[in-house]
Amino acid sequence: MTRKIHHADSVGNFEKGKHGKYVKHLYRSKENRIFAGIIGGLGEFFDVDPVILRVLFVIVTLVTAFLPLFLLYLICIFIIPENPHQ
């Protein structure tokens, strides 16, 4: 997905890439967070309400015996950077 922006080098989750096109980046949300902003950042990236993603996360976490998604969430805290534009 590309979006033309003429007034800045970065806006929201979009930043100017190597070839002058704007690229969308995944960041942890600073504004829409409950714990570390992972699910809020996913909601901003995919343009989905984070509440829906949080409910799905809790349901899948309970169904899979808690450990797999909890470990994935902890790993994402260290891999996904915070949004520098918020």
C-alpha atoms as a PDB file:
ATOM      1  CA  MET A   1       0.000   0.000   0.000  1.00  0.00           C
ATOM      2  CA  THR A   2       1.473   3.345  -0.992  1.00  0.00           C
ATOM      3  CA  ARG A   3       0.260   6.808  -0.199  1.00  0.00           C
ATOM      4  CA  LYS A   4       1.513  10.083  -1.665  1.00  0.00           C
ATOM      5  CA  ILE A   5       2.462  12.666   0.917  1.00  0.00           C
ATOM      6  CA  HIS A   6       4.147  15.857  -0.203  1.00  0.00           C
ATOM      7  CA  HIS A   7       4.647  17.830   3.002  1.00  0.00           C
ATOM      8  CA  ALA A   8       6.863  15.588   5.188  1.00  0.00           C
ATOM      9  CA  ASP A   9       9.290  12.682   5.158  1.00  0.00           C
ATOM     10  CA  SER A  10       7.154  10.711   7.608  1.00  0.00           C
ATOM     11  CA  VAL A  11       3.513  10.800   8.668  1.00  0.00           C
ATOM     12  CA  GLY A  12       1.948   8.329  11.100  1.00  0.00           C
ATOM     13  CA  ASN A  13       3.135   4.815  10.282  1.00  0.00           C
ATOM     14  CA  PHE A  14       4.277   5.862   6.788  1.00  0.00           C
ATOM     15  CA  GLU A  15       7.900   6.725   6.081  1.00  0.00           C
ATOM     16  CA  LYS A  16       9.731   7.491   2.869  1.00  0.00           C
ATOM     17  CA  GLY A  17      11.481   4.365   1.606  1.00  0.00           C
ATOM     18  CA  LYS A  18      14.564   3.839  -0.569  1.00  0.00           C
ATOM     19  CA  HIS A  19      12.868   4.616  -3.885  1.00  0.00           C
ATOM     20  CA  GLY A  20      10.872   7.641  -2.744  1.00  0.00           C
ATOM     21  CA  LYS A  21       7.705   5.639  -2.051  1.00  0.00           C
ATOM     22  CA  TYR A  22       6.009   5.690   1.323  1.00  0.00           C
ATOM     23  CA  VAL A  23       6.126   2.437   3.259  1.00  0.00           C
ATOM     24  CA  LYS A  24       3.924   1.522   6.212  1.00  0.00           C
ATOM     25  CA  HIS A  25       5.791   0.364   9.353  1.00  0.00           C
ATOM     26  CA  LEU A  26       4.640  -1.637  12.353  1.00  0.00           C
ATOM     27  CA  TYR A  27       5.217   0.141  15.653  1.00  0.00           C
ATOM     28  CA  ARG A  28       4.095  -0.345  19.245  1.00  0.00           C
ATOM     29  CA  SER A  29       1.478   2.286  20.009  1.00  0.00           C
ATOM     30  CA  LYS A  30       2.252   4.891  22.656  1.00  0.00           C
ATOM     31  CA  GLU A  31      -1.323   6.228  22.738  1.00  0.00           C
ATOM     32  CA  ASN A  32      -3.435   3.084  22.312  1.00  0.00           C
ATOM     33  CA  ARG A  33      -1.864   0.767  24.839  1.00  0.00           C
ATOM     34  CA  ILE A  34      -2.864  -1.251  27.837  1.00  0.00           C
ATOM     35  CA  PHE A  35       0.406  -3.041  28.589  1.00  0.00           C
ATOM     36  CA  ALA A  36       3.126  -2.558  25.967  1.00  0.00           C
ATOM     37  CA  GLY A  37       1.209  -1.268  22.927  1.00  0.00           C
ATOM     38  CA  ILE A  38       1.670  -4.389  20.778  1.00  0.00           C
ATOM     39  CA  ILE A  39      -2.004  -5.002  20.038  1.00  0.00           C
ATOM     40  CA  GLY A  40      -2.704  -1.270  19.731  1.00  0.00           C
ATOM     41  CA  GLY A  41       0.102  -1.049  17.169  1.00  0.00           C
ATOM     42  CA  LEU A  42      -1.297  -4.017  15.251  1.00  0.00           C
ATOM     43  CA  GLY A  43      -4.693  -2.319  15.229  1.00  0.00           C
ATOM     44  CA  GLU A  44      -3.176   0.877  13.812  1.00  0.00           C
ATOM     45  CA  PHE A  45      -1.160  -1.060  11.223  1.00  0.00           C
ATOM     46  CA  PHE A  46      -4.092  -3.144   9.954  1.00  0.00           C
ATOM     47  CA  ASP A  47      -6.666  -0.352  10.523  1.00  0.00           C
ATOM     48  CA  VAL A  48      -8.725  -2.568  12.852  1.00  0.00           C
ATOM     49  CA  ASP A  49     -10.238  -1.665  16.218  1.00  0.00           C
ATOM     50  CA  PRO A  50      -7.690  -2.812  18.854  1.00  0.00           C
ATOM     51  CA  VAL A  51     -10.526  -3.897  21.177  1.00  0.00           C
ATOM     52  CA  ILE A  52     -11.451  -6.601  18.666  1.00  0.00           C
ATOM     53  CA  LEU A  53      -7.825  -7.727  18.484  1.00  0.00           C
ATOM     54  CA  ARG A  54      -7.550  -7.758  22.286  1.00  0.00           C
ATOM     55  CA  VAL A  55     -10.667  -9.919  22.643  1.00  0.00           C
ATOM     56  CA  LEU A  56      -9.326 -12.330  20.001  1.00  0.00           C
ATOM     57  CA  PHE A  57      -5.949 -12.389  21.751  1.00  0.00           C
ATOM     58  CA  VAL A  58      -7.534 -13.290  25.108  1.00  0.00           C
ATOM     59  CA  ILE A  59      -9.732 -16.005  23.560  1.00  0.00           C
ATOM     60  CA  VAL A  60      -6.876 -17.597  21.608  1.00  0.00           C
ATOM     61  CA  THR A  61      -4.562 -17.337  24.628  1.00  0.00           C
ATOM     62  CA  LEU A  62      -7.070 -19.189  26.812  1.00  0.00           C
ATOM     63  CA  VAL A  63      -7.761 -21.838  24.150  1.00  0.00           C
ATOM     64  CA  THR A  64      -4.054 -22.537  23.545  1.00  0.00           C
ATOM     65  CA  ALA A  65      -3.237 -22.984  27.237  1.00  0.00           C
ATOM     66  CA  PHE A  66      -1.826 -19.462  27.691  1.00  0.00           C
ATOM     67  CA  LEU A  67       1.837 -20.083  26.849  1.00  0.00           C
ATOM     68  CA  PRO A  68       2.280 -19.707  23.030  1.00  0.00           C
ATOM     69  CA  LEU A  69       0.681 -16.278  22.569  1.00  0.00           C
ATOM     70  CA  PHE A  70       2.023 -14.988  25.865  1.00  0.00           C
ATOM     71  CA  LEU A  71       5.574 -15.864  24.751  1.00  0.00           C
ATOM     72  CA  LEU A  72       4.936 -14.316  21.322  1.00  0.00           C
ATOM     73  CA  TYR A  73       3.706 -11.123  22.999  1.00  0.00           C
ATOM     74  CA  LEU A  74       6.842 -10.946  25.159  1.00  0.00           C
ATOM     75  CA  ILE A  75       9.074 -11.457  22.115  1.00  0.00           C
ATOM     76  CA  CYS A  76       7.204  -8.715  20.230  1.00  0.00           C
ATOM     77  CA  ILE A  77       7.884  -6.263  23.061  1.00  0.00           C
ATOM     78  CA  PHE A  78      11.603  -6.512  22.278  1.00  0.00           C
ATOM     79  CA  ILE A  79      11.330  -6.758  18.476  1.00  0.00           C
ATOM     80  CA  ILE A  80       8.741  -4.094  17.568  1.00  0.00           C
ATOM     81  CA  PRO A  81       9.916  -0.531  18.244  1.00  0.00           C
ATOM     82  CA  GLU A  82       7.722   2.190  19.775  1.00  0.00           C
ATOM     83  CA  ASN A  83       6.192   4.678  17.364  1.00  0.00           C
ATOM     84  CA  PRO A  84       8.536   7.669  17.201  1.00  0.00           C
ATOM     85  CA  HIS A  85       5.785   9.887  15.696  1.00  0.00           C
ATOM     86  CA  GLN A  86       3.339   9.740  18.637  1.00  0.00           C
END
